[in-house]
């Protein structure tokens, strides 16, 4: 896409947009690594966060669009639960430093910078955040 910027991207429910940290270019002993040998880092900064997901939904919709409420009406007694009761808080917020799975996510290239879209479940830890 032409003229696409990171600020225009809003992850879907259950996803975050990460800017991975820069790969190390030299070792602790000072040896300069060629770009092809550098391993991609598994940590970065959260740039955008999608809405949380409801994980207690028996119908499997996750509170994010099964169509049940459109078809049958909100609060229908035969539905397994009310989506209004789902807290669905995302596990991270914009600016958090996170560690994520090595093979998780999908890459997107914008202005020669590689970003990652990750599922919430692909995030392993928040760096320096004490809850």
C-alpha atoms as a PDB file:
ATOM      1  CA  UNK A   1       0.000   0.000   0.000  1.00  0.00           C
ATOM      2  CA  UNK A   2       1.194   3.460  -0.800  1.00  0.00           C
ATOM      3  CA  UNK A   3       1.677   5.994   1.975  1.00  0.00           C
ATOM      4  CA  UNK A   4       0.763   3.562   4.761  1.00  0.00           C
ATOM      5  CA  UNK A   5       1.974   4.614   8.207  1.00  0.00           C
ATOM      6  CA  UNK A   6       2.103   2.712  11.483  1.00  0.00           C
ATOM      7  CA  UNK A   7      -0.261   5.216  13.102  1.00  0.00           C
ATOM      8  CA  UNK A   8      -2.958   4.167  10.610  1.00  0.00           C
ATOM      9  CA  UNK A   9      -2.905   0.554  11.811  1.00  0.00           C
ATOM     10  CA  UNK A  10      -5.344  -0.635  14.462  1.00  0.00           C
ATOM     11  CA  UNK A  11      -4.988  -4.322  15.357  1.00  0.00           C
ATOM     12  CA  UNK A  12      -8.122  -6.466  15.422  1.00  0.00           C
ATOM     13  CA  UNK A  13      -9.411  -7.941  18.686  1.00  0.00           C
ATOM     14  CA  UNK A  14      -6.831 -10.223  20.280  1.00  0.00           C
ATOM     15  CA  UNK A  15      -3.828  -8.754  18.422  1.00  0.00           C
ATOM     16  CA  UNK A  16      -1.068  -6.244  19.141  1.00  0.00           C
ATOM     17  CA  UNK A  17       1.330  -4.368  16.865  1.00  0.00           C
ATOM     18  CA  UNK A  18       4.973  -4.594  17.989  1.00  0.00           C
ATOM     19  CA  UNK A  19       8.072  -2.743  16.878  1.00  0.00           C
ATOM     20  CA  UNK A  20      10.832  -5.317  17.391  1.00  0.00           C
ATOM     21  CA  UNK A  21      14.070  -4.161  18.991  1.00  0.00           C
ATOM     22  CA  UNK A  22      17.027  -3.679  16.662  1.00  0.00           C
ATOM     23  CA  UNK A  23      19.161  -6.768  16.126  1.00  0.00           C
ATOM     24  CA  UNK A  24      22.588  -6.701  17.718  1.00  0.00           C
ATOM     25  CA  UNK A  25      25.291  -5.777  15.219  1.00  0.00           C
ATOM     26  CA  UNK A  26      28.255  -6.849  17.314  1.00  0.00           C
ATOM     27  CA  UNK A  27      29.034  -9.322  20.042  1.00  0.00           C
ATOM     28  CA  UNK A  28      29.964  -8.476  23.631  1.00  0.00           C
ATOM     29  CA  UNK A  29      33.613  -9.005  22.695  1.00  0.00           C
ATOM     30  CA  UNK A  30      33.351  -6.474  19.855  1.00  0.00           C
ATOM     31  CA  UNK A  31      33.074  -8.761  16.810  1.00  0.00           C
ATOM     32  CA  UNK A  32      30.895  -7.101  14.170  1.00  0.00           C
ATOM     33  CA  UNK A  33      28.178  -9.422  12.889  1.00  0.00           C
ATOM     34  CA  UNK A  34      27.073  -9.375   9.257  1.00  0.00           C
ATOM     35  CA  UNK A  35      23.387  -8.550   8.817  1.00  0.00           C
ATOM     36  CA  UNK A  36      22.667 -12.055   7.499  1.00  0.00           C
ATOM     37  CA  UNK A  37      24.014 -13.651  10.705  1.00  0.00           C
ATOM     38  CA  UNK A  38      22.081 -11.500  13.147  1.00  0.00           C
ATOM     39  CA  UNK A  39      19.146 -13.254  14.755  1.00  0.00           C
ATOM     40  CA  UNK A  40      15.895 -11.336  15.011  1.00  0.00           C
ATOM     41  CA  UNK A  41      15.181 -10.177  18.549  1.00  0.00           C
ATOM     42  CA  UNK A  42      12.242 -11.696  20.421  1.00  0.00           C
ATOM     43  CA  UNK A  43      11.337  -8.517  22.252  1.00  0.00           C
ATOM     44  CA  UNK A  44      10.020  -5.110  21.351  1.00  0.00           C
ATOM     45  CA  UNK A  45       7.656  -2.229  22.105  1.00  0.00           C
ATOM     46  CA  UNK A  46       3.866  -2.346  21.843  1.00  0.00           C
ATOM     47  CA  UNK A  47       2.684   0.302  19.363  1.00  0.00           C
ATOM     48  CA  UNK A  48      -1.047  -0.499  19.181  1.00  0.00           C
ATOM     49  CA  UNK A  49      -3.428  -2.886  20.932  1.00  0.00           C
ATOM     50  CA  UNK A  50      -6.647  -4.439  19.663  1.00  0.00           C
ATOM     51  CA  UNK A  51      -9.661  -4.941  21.884  1.00  0.00           C
ATOM     52  CA  UNK A  52      -9.613  -7.737  24.421  1.00  0.00           C
ATOM     53  CA  UNK A  53     -11.351 -11.015  23.752  1.00  0.00           C
ATOM     54  CA  UNK A  54     -13.948 -12.845  25.777  1.00  0.00           C
ATOM     55  CA  UNK A  55     -12.648 -16.317  26.536  1.00  0.00           C
ATOM     56  CA  UNK A  56     -15.630 -17.690  28.470  1.00  0.00           C
ATOM     57  CA  UNK A  57     -18.004 -17.834  25.526  1.00  0.00           C
ATOM     58  CA  UNK A  58     -19.539 -21.284  25.163  1.00  0.00           C
ATOM     59  CA  UNK A  59     -20.786 -20.580  21.645  1.00  0.00           C
ATOM     60  CA  UNK A  60     -17.187 -19.942  20.578  1.00  0.00           C
ATOM     61  CA  UNK A  61     -17.770 -16.409  19.316  1.00  0.00           C
ATOM     62  CA  UNK A  62     -15.343 -14.865  21.796  1.00  0.00           C
ATOM     63  CA  UNK A  63     -17.670 -11.922  22.238  1.00  0.00           C
ATOM     64  CA  UNK A  64     -16.470 -10.453  18.986  1.00  0.00           C
ATOM     65  CA  UNK A  65     -18.951 -11.236  16.275  1.00  0.00           C
ATOM     66  CA  UNK A  66     -20.526 -14.668  16.056  1.00  0.00           C
ATOM     67  CA  UNK A  67     -23.651 -13.012  14.744  1.00  0.00           C
ATOM     68  CA  UNK A  68     -25.799 -14.472  17.519  1.00  0.00           C
ATOM     69  CA  UNK A  69     -26.943 -11.102  18.851  1.00  0.00           C
ATOM     70  CA  UNK A  70     -27.692  -9.748  15.368  1.00  0.00           C
ATOM     71  CA  UNK A  71     -29.695 -12.838  14.476  1.00  0.00           C
ATOM     72  CA  UNK A  72     -31.513 -13.478  17.773  1.00  0.00           C
ATOM     73  CA  UNK A  73     -31.361 -10.190  19.662  1.00  0.00           C
ATOM     74  CA  UNK A  74     -29.195  -9.080  22.549  1.00  0.00           C
ATOM     75  CA  UNK A  75     -29.957 -10.809  25.832  1.00  0.00           C
ATOM     76  CA  UNK A  76     -31.824 -13.716  24.225  1.00  0.00           C
ATOM     77  CA  UNK A  77     -32.322 -16.334  26.959  1.00  0.00           C
ATOM     78  CA  UNK A  78     -31.107 -19.248  24.828  1.00  0.00           C
ATOM     79  CA  UNK A  79     -27.666 -17.681  24.379  1.00  0.00           C
ATOM     80  CA  UNK A  80     -25.074 -19.187  26.712  1.00  0.00           C
ATOM     81  CA  UNK A  81     -24.046 -15.869  28.332  1.00  0.00           C
ATOM     82  CA  UNK A  82     -24.189 -12.108  28.025  1.00  0.00           C
ATOM     83  CA  UNK A  83     -21.277 -10.476  26.234  1.00  0.00           C
ATOM     84  CA  UNK A  84     -21.814  -7.388  28.387  1.00  0.00           C
ATOM     85  CA  UNK A  85     -20.310  -9.310  31.318  1.00  0.00           C
ATOM     86  CA  UNK A  86     -17.027 -10.043  29.555  1.00  0.00           C
ATOM     87  CA  UNK A  87     -14.142  -7.962  30.913  1.00  0.00           C
ATOM     88  CA  UNK A  88     -11.899  -8.780  27.919  1.00  0.00           C
ATOM     89  CA  UNK A  89      -9.027  -6.543  29.016  1.00  0.00           C
ATOM     90  CA  UNK A  90      -5.951  -6.704  26.756  1.00  0.00           C
ATOM     91  CA  UNK A  91      -2.903  -8.069  28.606  1.00  0.00           C
ATOM     92  CA  UNK A  92      -0.649  -5.196  27.457  1.00  0.00           C
ATOM     93  CA  UNK A  93      -0.871  -1.489  26.729  1.00  0.00           C
ATOM     94  CA  UNK A  94       0.831   0.855  24.269  1.00  0.00           C
ATOM     95  CA  UNK A  95       4.438   1.465  25.301  1.00  0.00           C
ATOM     96  CA  UNK A  96       4.945  -1.845  27.128  1.00  0.00           C
ATOM     97  CA  UNK A  97       8.187  -3.704  26.419  1.00  0.00           C
ATOM     98  CA  UNK A  98       7.377  -7.370  25.763  1.00  0.00           C
ATOM     99  CA  UNK A  99       9.052 -10.693  25.034  1.00  0.00           C
ATOM    100  CA  UNK A 100       7.256 -12.832  22.456  1.00  0.00           C
ATOM    101  CA  UNK A 101       7.447 -16.267  20.867  1.00  0.00           C
ATOM    102  CA  UNK A 102      10.178 -16.789  18.310  1.00  0.00           C
ATOM    103  CA  UNK A 103       7.869 -18.000  15.543  1.00  0.00           C
ATOM    104  CA  UNK A 104       4.781 -16.055  16.516  1.00  0.00           C
ATOM    105  CA  UNK A 105       3.127 -13.276  14.594  1.00  0.00           C
ATOM    106  CA  UNK A 106       3.024 -11.854  11.111  1.00  0.00           C
ATOM    107  CA  UNK A 107       5.471  -9.337   9.746  1.00  0.00           C
ATOM    108  CA  UNK A 108       4.540  -6.167   7.904  1.00  0.00           C
ATOM    109  CA  UNK A 109       7.091  -3.857   6.247  1.00  0.00           C
ATOM    110  CA  UNK A 110       6.413  -0.119   6.388  1.00  0.00           C
ATOM    111  CA  UNK A 111       9.022   2.438   5.322  1.00  0.00           C
ATOM    112  CA  UNK A 112      11.764  -0.230   5.432  1.00  0.00           C
ATOM    113  CA  UNK A 113      10.931  -1.064   9.067  1.00  0.00           C
ATOM    114  CA  UNK A 114       9.626  -4.528   9.925  1.00  0.00           C
ATOM    115  CA  UNK A 115       6.778  -4.652  12.440  1.00  0.00           C
ATOM    116  CA  UNK A 116       5.027  -7.671  13.997  1.00  0.00           C
ATOM    117  CA  UNK A 117       1.336  -8.381  14.494  1.00  0.00           C
ATOM    118  CA  UNK A 118       1.068 -10.842  17.381  1.00  0.00           C
ATOM    119  CA  UNK A 119      -1.802 -12.621  19.086  1.00  0.00           C
ATOM    120  CA  UNK A 120      -2.123 -11.907  22.794  1.00  0.00           C
ATOM    121  CA  UNK A 121      -1.188 -15.538  23.465  1.00  0.00           C
ATOM    122  CA  UNK A 122       2.154 -15.104  21.643  1.00  0.00           C
ATOM    123  CA  UNK A 123       3.321 -12.593  24.269  1.00  0.00           C
ATOM    124  CA  UNK A 124       5.387 -14.394  26.886  1.00  0.00           C
ATOM    125  CA  UNK A 125       6.228 -11.582  29.315  1.00  0.00           C
ATOM    126  CA  UNK A 126       6.053  -7.858  29.952  1.00  0.00           C
ATOM    127  CA  UNK A 127       9.511  -6.475  30.720  1.00  0.00           C
ATOM    128  CA  UNK A 128       9.798  -4.513  33.957  1.00  0.00           C
ATOM    129  CA  UNK A 129       6.071  -4.454  34.702  1.00  0.00           C
ATOM    130  CA  UNK A 130       5.155  -5.478  38.235  1.00  0.00           C
ATOM    131  CA  UNK A 131       1.489  -6.302  38.722  1.00  0.00           C
END
